[in-house]
Amino acid sequence: MQIVRDQRGRECGTIIWESKRTKAWTEGWITKLKEDQRSVHADFAVLVTEVLPKEISNFGSKSNVWVTNYPSIIGVVSLLRTTLMRVFEMRLLQKGRKDQFESLYRYITSTEFHQRMEAIMDSFKSMRDDLQKEKDAYQRIWAKREKQIEQVLSNTFTLRGELEGVVGELPELENLQLPDKSDKQDPLL
């Protein structure tokens, strides 16, 4: 039995080996090796033999048992070891993803997450309320200034009228002309 380990020494899987040096192929070898594989819980079973079944030339799979000749043994072991290490890595990744998903799910359904979301929403509501208060305050300030500007304009037109009543007609000032009936612009513009 061969235990395959990765570069970190973690066990990735096992391969059970059996070898035969006989002149004839026997189907019973496959059955016996599969039983051995089940008893030791090996990932792969490999039968190395001088005589291969008719359907296999150098190596191949027969009833989920790898069958190979002696010259091909290095290639087969390399292939199986690499496969076991990659499968092991994929299992670790899947386990990591599953663990992450479970952790995320636990967090999203937790009281802590609920409280965090409430805190965010409370902050957002507070910011929105402050912004509305600022808008309302500026609307009042702008309305007050608009009234003040209207009063200044009214007083300026009144003063001009009083002056013209005393001294006669004054030269026209572009910014103090009455707007045309068709022109609806601000007289200060």
C-alpha atoms as a PDB file:
ATOM      1  CA  MET A   1       0.000   0.000   0.000  1.00  0.00           C
ATOM      2  CA  GLN A   2       1.309   3.453  -0.961  1.00  0.00           C
ATOM      3  CA  ILE A   3       0.253   6.568   0.966  1.00  0.00           C
ATOM      4  CA  VAL A   4       0.503   9.645  -1.272  1.00  0.00           C
ATOM      5  CA  ARG A   5       1.439  12.911   0.442  1.00  0.00           C
ATOM      6  CA  ASP A   6       1.732  16.426  -0.942  1.00  0.00           C
ATOM      7  CA  GLN A   7       4.720  18.759  -0.524  1.00  0.00           C
ATOM      8  CA  ARG A   8       3.421  19.774   2.923  1.00  0.00           C
ATOM      9  CA  GLY A   9       3.233  16.177   4.061  1.00  0.00           C
ATOM     10  CA  ARG A  10      -0.576  16.050   4.069  1.00  0.00           C
ATOM     11  CA  GLU A  11      -2.058  12.670   3.192  1.00  0.00           C
ATOM     12  CA  CYS A  12      -3.825  12.952  -0.183  1.00  0.00           C
ATOM     13  CA  GLY A  13      -4.850   9.348  -0.693  1.00  0.00           C
ATOM     14  CA  THR A  14      -3.698   5.761  -1.012  1.00  0.00           C
ATOM     15  CA  ILE A  15      -2.870   3.333  -3.784  1.00  0.00           C
ATOM     16  CA  ILE A  16      -2.919  -0.400  -3.270  1.00  0.00           C
ATOM     17  CA  TRP A  17      -0.472  -2.317  -5.466  1.00  0.00           C
ATOM     18  CA  GLU A  18      -0.242  -5.936  -6.428  1.00  0.00           C
ATOM     19  CA  SER A  19       2.205  -7.529  -8.835  1.00  0.00           C
ATOM     20  CA  LYS A  20       2.094 -10.809 -10.730  1.00  0.00           C
ATOM     21  CA  ARG A  21       4.928 -12.524 -12.571  1.00  0.00           C
ATOM     22  CA  THR A  22       3.127 -15.294 -14.371  1.00  0.00           C
ATOM     23  CA  LYS A  23       2.799 -16.422 -17.979  1.00  0.00           C
ATOM     24  CA  ALA A  24      -1.033 -16.239 -18.169  1.00  0.00           C
ATOM     25  CA  TRP A  25      -3.683 -13.631 -17.304  1.00  0.00           C
ATOM     26  CA  THR A  26      -6.279 -14.536 -14.642  1.00  0.00           C
ATOM     27  CA  GLU A  27      -9.550 -12.546 -14.169  1.00  0.00           C
ATOM     28  CA  GLY A  28      -9.685 -13.530 -10.484  1.00  0.00           C
ATOM     29  CA  TRP A  29      -6.805 -11.134  -9.771  1.00  0.00           C
ATOM     30  CA  ILE A  30      -9.078  -8.138 -10.419  1.00  0.00           C
ATOM     31  CA  THR A  31     -11.762  -9.420  -8.039  1.00  0.00           C
ATOM     32  CA  LYS A  32      -9.266 -10.133  -5.268  1.00  0.00           C
ATOM     33  CA  LEU A  33      -7.527  -6.751  -5.649  1.00  0.00           C
ATOM     34  CA  LYS A  34     -10.870  -4.902  -5.542  1.00  0.00           C
ATOM     35  CA  GLU A  35     -11.709  -6.688  -2.281  1.00  0.00           C
ATOM     36  CA  ASP A  36      -8.323  -5.688  -0.880  1.00  0.00           C
ATOM     37  CA  GLN A  37      -8.917  -2.099  -2.027  1.00  0.00           C
ATOM     38  CA  ARG A  38     -12.263  -1.984  -0.200  1.00  0.00           C
ATOM     39  CA  SER A  39     -10.826  -3.452   2.987  1.00  0.00           C
ATOM     40  CA  VAL A  40      -8.061  -0.817   3.230  1.00  0.00           C
ATOM     41  CA  HIS A  41     -10.170   2.011   1.724  1.00  0.00           C
ATOM     42  CA  ALA A  42      -7.606   2.753  -0.979  1.00  0.00           C
ATOM     43  CA  ASP A  43      -8.410   5.338  -3.647  1.00  0.00           C
ATOM     44  CA  PHE A  44      -6.785   3.367  -6.480  1.00  0.00           C
ATOM     45  CA  ALA A  45      -5.911  -0.256  -7.053  1.00  0.00           C
ATOM     46  CA  VAL A  46      -3.079  -1.109  -9.463  1.00  0.00           C
ATOM     47  CA  LEU A  47      -2.162  -4.530 -10.752  1.00  0.00           C
ATOM     48  CA  VAL A  48       1.315  -4.772 -12.281  1.00  0.00           C
ATOM     49  CA  THR A  49       1.776  -7.860 -14.417  1.00  0.00           C
ATOM     50  CA  GLU A  50       3.954  -9.259 -17.167  1.00  0.00           C
ATOM     51  CA  VAL A  51       0.887 -10.574 -19.013  1.00  0.00           C
ATOM     52  CA  LEU A  52      -1.910  -8.076 -19.687  1.00  0.00           C
ATOM     53  CA  PRO A  53      -5.506  -8.768 -20.673  1.00  0.00           C
ATOM     54  CA  LYS A  54      -6.120  -8.729 -24.444  1.00  0.00           C
ATOM     55  CA  GLU A  55      -7.827  -5.277 -24.409  1.00  0.00           C
ATOM     56  CA  ILE A  56      -4.870  -3.519 -22.705  1.00  0.00           C
ATOM     57  CA  SER A  57      -1.546  -2.950 -24.423  1.00  0.00           C
ATOM     58  CA  ASN A  58       0.616  -1.058 -21.845  1.00  0.00           C
ATOM     59  CA  PHE A  59      -1.759   0.145 -19.171  1.00  0.00           C
ATOM     60  CA  GLY A  60      -5.464   0.772 -18.737  1.00  0.00           C
ATOM     61  CA  SER A  61      -8.434   0.328 -16.465  1.00  0.00           C
ATOM     62  CA  LYS A  62     -10.340  -2.919 -16.051  1.00  0.00           C
ATOM     63  CA  SER A  63     -13.337  -2.944 -13.694  1.00  0.00           C
ATOM     64  CA  ASN A  64     -11.956   0.184 -11.958  1.00  0.00           C
ATOM     65  CA  VAL A  65      -8.574  -1.451 -11.354  1.00  0.00           C
ATOM     66  CA  TRP A  66      -5.539  -0.038 -13.118  1.00  0.00           C
ATOM     67  CA  VAL A  67      -3.631  -2.754 -14.953  1.00  0.00           C
ATOM     68  CA  THR A  68      -0.136  -2.053 -16.227  1.00  0.00           C
ATOM     69  CA  ASN A  69       3.017  -3.745 -17.405  1.00  0.00           C
ATOM     70  CA  TYR A  70       6.355  -3.243 -15.648  1.00  0.00           C
ATOM     71  CA  PRO A  71       7.871  -0.761 -18.158  1.00  0.00           C
ATOM     72  CA  SER A  72       4.858   1.605 -17.748  1.00  0.00           C
ATOM     73  CA  ILE A  73       4.861   1.582 -13.947  1.00  0.00           C
ATOM     74  CA  ILE A  74       6.648   4.973 -13.542  1.00  0.00           C
ATOM     75  CA  GLY A  75       4.121   6.745 -15.784  1.00  0.00           C
ATOM     76  CA  VAL A  76       1.152   5.129 -14.049  1.00  0.00           C
ATOM     77  CA  VAL A  77       2.360   5.961 -10.544  1.00  0.00           C
ATOM     78  CA  SER A  78       3.120   9.544 -11.604  1.00  0.00           C
ATOM     79  CA  LEU A  79      -0.362   9.912 -13.131  1.00  0.00           C
ATOM     80  CA  LEU A  80      -2.139   8.447 -10.106  1.00  0.00           C
ATOM     81  CA  ARG A  81      -0.111  10.455  -7.567  1.00  0.00           C
ATOM     82  CA  THR A  82      -0.788  13.697  -9.450  1.00  0.00           C
ATOM     83  CA  THR A  83      -4.483  12.839  -9.670  1.00  0.00           C
ATOM     84  CA  LEU A  84      -4.710  12.142  -5.944  1.00  0.00           C
ATOM     85  CA  MET A  85      -2.949  15.407  -5.056  1.00  0.00           C
ATOM     86  CA  ARG A  86      -5.187  17.458  -7.369  1.00  0.00           C
ATOM     87  CA  VAL A  87      -8.344  15.802  -6.068  1.00  0.00           C
ATOM     88  CA  PHE A  88      -7.134  16.467  -2.517  1.00  0.00           C
ATOM     89  CA  GLU A  89      -6.557  20.162  -3.356  1.00  0.00           C
ATOM     90  CA  MET A  90     -10.017  20.420  -4.924  1.00  0.00           C
ATOM     91  CA  ARG A  91     -11.587  18.871  -1.828  1.00  0.00           C
ATOM     92  CA  LEU A  92      -9.772  21.373   0.370  1.00  0.00           C
ATOM     93  CA  LEU A  93     -10.994  24.233  -1.810  1.00  0.00           C
ATOM     94  CA  GLN A  94     -14.559  22.938  -1.726  1.00  0.00           C
ATOM     95  CA  LYS A  95     -14.390  22.452   2.018  1.00  0.00           C
ATOM     96  CA  GLY A  96     -13.007  25.979   2.397  1.00  0.00           C
ATOM     97  CA  ARG A  97     -15.789  27.408   0.246  1.00  0.00           C
ATOM     98  CA  LYS A  98     -18.412  25.461   2.153  1.00  0.00           C
ATOM     99  CA  ASP A  99     -16.960  26.675   5.458  1.00  0.00           C
ATOM    100  CA  GLN A 100     -16.907  30.263   4.162  1.00  0.00           C
ATOM    101  CA  PHE A 101     -20.488  29.999   2.943  1.00  0.00           C
ATOM    102  CA  GLU A 102     -21.631  28.574   6.259  1.00  0.00           C
ATOM    103  CA  SER A 103     -19.775  31.316   8.157  1.00  0.00           C
ATOM    104  CA  LEU A 104     -21.286  33.982   5.931  1.00  0.00           C
ATOM    105  CA  TYR A 105     -24.774  32.515   6.343  1.00  0.00           C
ATOM    106  CA  ARG A 106     -24.365  32.367  10.139  1.00  0.00           C
ATOM    107  CA  TYR A 107     -23.220  36.006  10.167  1.00  0.00           C
ATOM    108  CA  ILE A 108     -26.041  37.247   7.914  1.00  0.00           C
ATOM    109  CA  THR A 109     -28.654  35.527  10.079  1.00  0.00           C
ATOM    110  CA  SER A 110     -27.051  36.648  13.354  1.00  0.00           C
ATOM    111  CA  THR A 111     -28.203  39.312  15.794  1.00  0.00           C
ATOM    112  CA  GLU A 112     -24.872  41.074  15.281  1.00  0.00           C
ATOM    113  CA  PHE A 113     -25.547  41.503  11.543  1.00  0.00           C
ATOM    114  CA  HIS A 114     -29.119  42.649  12.234  1.00  0.00           C
ATOM    115  CA  GLN A 115     -27.859  45.233  14.723  1.00  0.00           C
ATOM    116  CA  ARG A 116     -25.142  46.379  12.301  1.00  0.00           C
ATOM    117  CA  MET A 117     -27.752  46.900   9.560  1.00  0.00           C
ATOM    118  CA  GLU A 118     -29.963  48.836  11.979  1.00  0.00           C
ATOM    119  CA  ALA A 119     -27.002  51.050  12.899  1.00  0.00           C
ATOM    120  CA  ILE A 120     -26.316  51.743   9.210  1.00  0.00           C
ATOM    121  CA  MET A 121     -29.989  52.553   8.575  1.00  0.00           C
ATOM    122  CA  ASP A 122     -30.155  54.780  11.670  1.00  0.00           C
ATOM    123  CA  SER A 123     -27.070  56.672  10.474  1.00  0.00           C
ATOM    124  CA  PHE A 124     -28.556  57.005   7.001  1.00  0.00           C
ATOM    125  CA  LYS A 125     -31.874  58.285   8.421  1.00  0.00           C
ATOM    126  CA  SER A 126     -30.025  60.771  10.629  1.00  0.00           C
ATOM    127  CA  MET A 127     -28.018  62.048   7.645  1.00  0.00           C
ATOM    128  CA  ARG A 128     -31.194  62.327   5.544  1.00  0.00           C
ATOM    129  CA  ASP A 129     -32.983  64.220   8.356  1.00  0.00           C
ATOM    130  CA  ASP A 130     -30.015  66.591   8.760  1.00  0.00           C
ATOM    131  CA  LEU A 131     -29.974  67.231   5.016  1.00  0.00           C
ATOM    132  CA  GLN A 132     -33.706  68.014   5.045  1.00  0.00           C
ATOM    133  CA  LYS A 133     -33.219  70.388   7.990  1.00  0.00           C
ATOM    134  CA  GLU A 134     -30.423  72.151   6.078  1.00  0.00           C
ATOM    135  CA  LYS A 135     -32.630  72.425   2.987  1.00  0.00           C
ATOM    136  CA  ASP A 136     -35.476  73.867   5.073  1.00  0.00           C
ATOM    137  CA  ALA A 137     -33.120  76.321   6.798  1.00  0.00           C
ATOM    138  CA  TYR A 138     -31.668  77.495   3.474  1.00  0.00           C
ATOM    139  CA  GLN A 139     -35.181  77.855   2.026  1.00  0.00           C
ATOM    140  CA  ARG A 140     -36.052  80.189   4.931  1.00  0.00           C
ATOM    141  CA  ILE A 141     -32.774  82.105   4.539  1.00  0.00           C
ATOM    142  CA  TRP A 142     -33.276  82.433   0.784  1.00  0.00           C
ATOM    143  CA  ALA A 143     -36.901  83.562   1.224  1.00  0.00           C
ATOM    144  CA  LYS A 144     -35.772  86.162   3.783  1.00  0.00           C
ATOM    145  CA  ARG A 145     -33.007  87.433   1.481  1.00  0.00           C
ATOM    146  CA  GLU A 146     -35.413  87.563  -1.448  1.00  0.00           C
ATOM    147  CA  LYS A 147     -37.755  89.773   0.621  1.00  0.00           C
ATOM    148  CA  GLN A 148     -34.803  91.968   1.638  1.00  0.00           C
ATOM    149  CA  ILE A 149     -33.726  92.316  -2.009  1.00  0.00           C
ATOM    150  CA  GLU A 150     -37.313  93.204  -3.017  1.00  0.00           C
ATOM    151  CA  GLN A 151     -37.384  95.837  -0.242  1.00  0.00           C
ATOM    152  CA  VAL A 152     -34.047  97.295  -1.381  1.00  0.00           C
ATOM    153  CA  LEU A 153     -35.312  97.464  -4.983  1.00  0.00           C
ATOM    154  CA  SER A 154     -38.632  98.978  -3.911  1.00  0.00           C
ATOM    155  CA  ASN A 155     -36.895 101.572  -1.744  1.00  0.00           C
ATOM    156  CA  THR A 156     -34.423 102.319  -4.558  1.00  0.00           C
ATOM    157  CA  PHE A 157     -37.254 102.888  -7.076  1.00  0.00           C
ATOM    158  CA  THR A 158     -39.092 105.027  -4.517  1.00  0.00           C
ATOM    159  CA  LEU A 159     -35.961 107.092  -3.817  1.00  0.00           C
ATOM    160  CA  ARG A 160     -35.395 107.600  -7.559  1.00  0.00           C
ATOM    161  CA  GLY A 161     -38.988 108.692  -7.972  1.00  0.00           C
ATOM    162  CA  GLU A 162     -38.684 111.155  -5.084  1.00  0.00           C
ATOM    163  CA  LEU A 163     -35.423 112.521  -6.505  1.00  0.00           C
ATOM    164  CA  GLU A 164     -36.964 112.959  -9.944  1.00  0.00           C
ATOM    165  CA  GLY A 165     -39.868 114.786  -8.278  1.00  0.00           C
ATOM    166  CA  VAL A 166     -37.400 117.220  -6.708  1.00  0.00           C
ATOM    167  CA  VAL A 167     -34.742 117.716  -9.437  1.00  0.00           C
ATOM    168  CA  GLY A 168     -36.521 116.613 -12.543  1.00  0.00           C
ATOM    169  CA  GLU A 169     -35.740 113.731 -14.814  1.00  0.00           C
ATOM    170  CA  LEU A 170     -32.592 111.795 -13.985  1.00  0.00           C
ATOM    171  CA  PRO A 171     -30.463 109.914 -16.516  1.00  0.00           C
ATOM    172  CA  GLU A 172     -31.602 106.370 -17.048  1.00  0.00           C
ATOM    173  CA  LEU A 173     -29.604 103.745 -15.222  1.00  0.00           C
ATOM    174  CA  GLU A 174     -29.615 100.437 -17.023  1.00  0.00           C
ATOM    175  CA  ASN A 175     -30.054  98.390 -13.871  1.00  0.00           C
ATOM    176  CA  LEU A 176     -32.877 100.575 -12.518  1.00  0.00           C
ATOM    177  CA  GLN A 177     -35.203 100.500 -15.505  1.00  0.00           C
ATOM    178  CA  LEU A 178     -38.651  99.064 -15.286  1.00  0.00           C
ATOM    179  CA  PRO A 179     -38.873  95.844 -17.204  1.00  0.00           C
ATOM    180  CA  ASP A 180     -40.765  95.740 -20.493  1.00  0.00           C
ATOM    181  CA  LYS A 181     -44.103  94.043 -20.221  1.00  0.00           C
ATOM    182  CA  SER A 182     -42.737  91.344 -22.561  1.00  0.00           C
ATOM    183  CA  ASP A 183     -39.490  91.031 -20.552  1.00  0.00           C
ATOM    184  CA  LYS A 184     -40.019  89.103 -17.327  1.00  0.00           C
ATOM    185  CA  GLN A 185     -36.393  89.223 -16.179  1.00  0.00           C
ATOM    186  CA  ASP A 186     -35.198  90.528 -12.854  1.00  0.00           C
ATOM    187  CA  PRO A 187     -34.625  94.340 -13.144  1.00  0.00           C
ATOM    188  CA  LEU A 188     -31.143  93.935 -11.635  1.00  0.00           C
ATOM    189  CA  LEU A 189     -29.960  91.773 -14.520  1.00  0.00           C
END
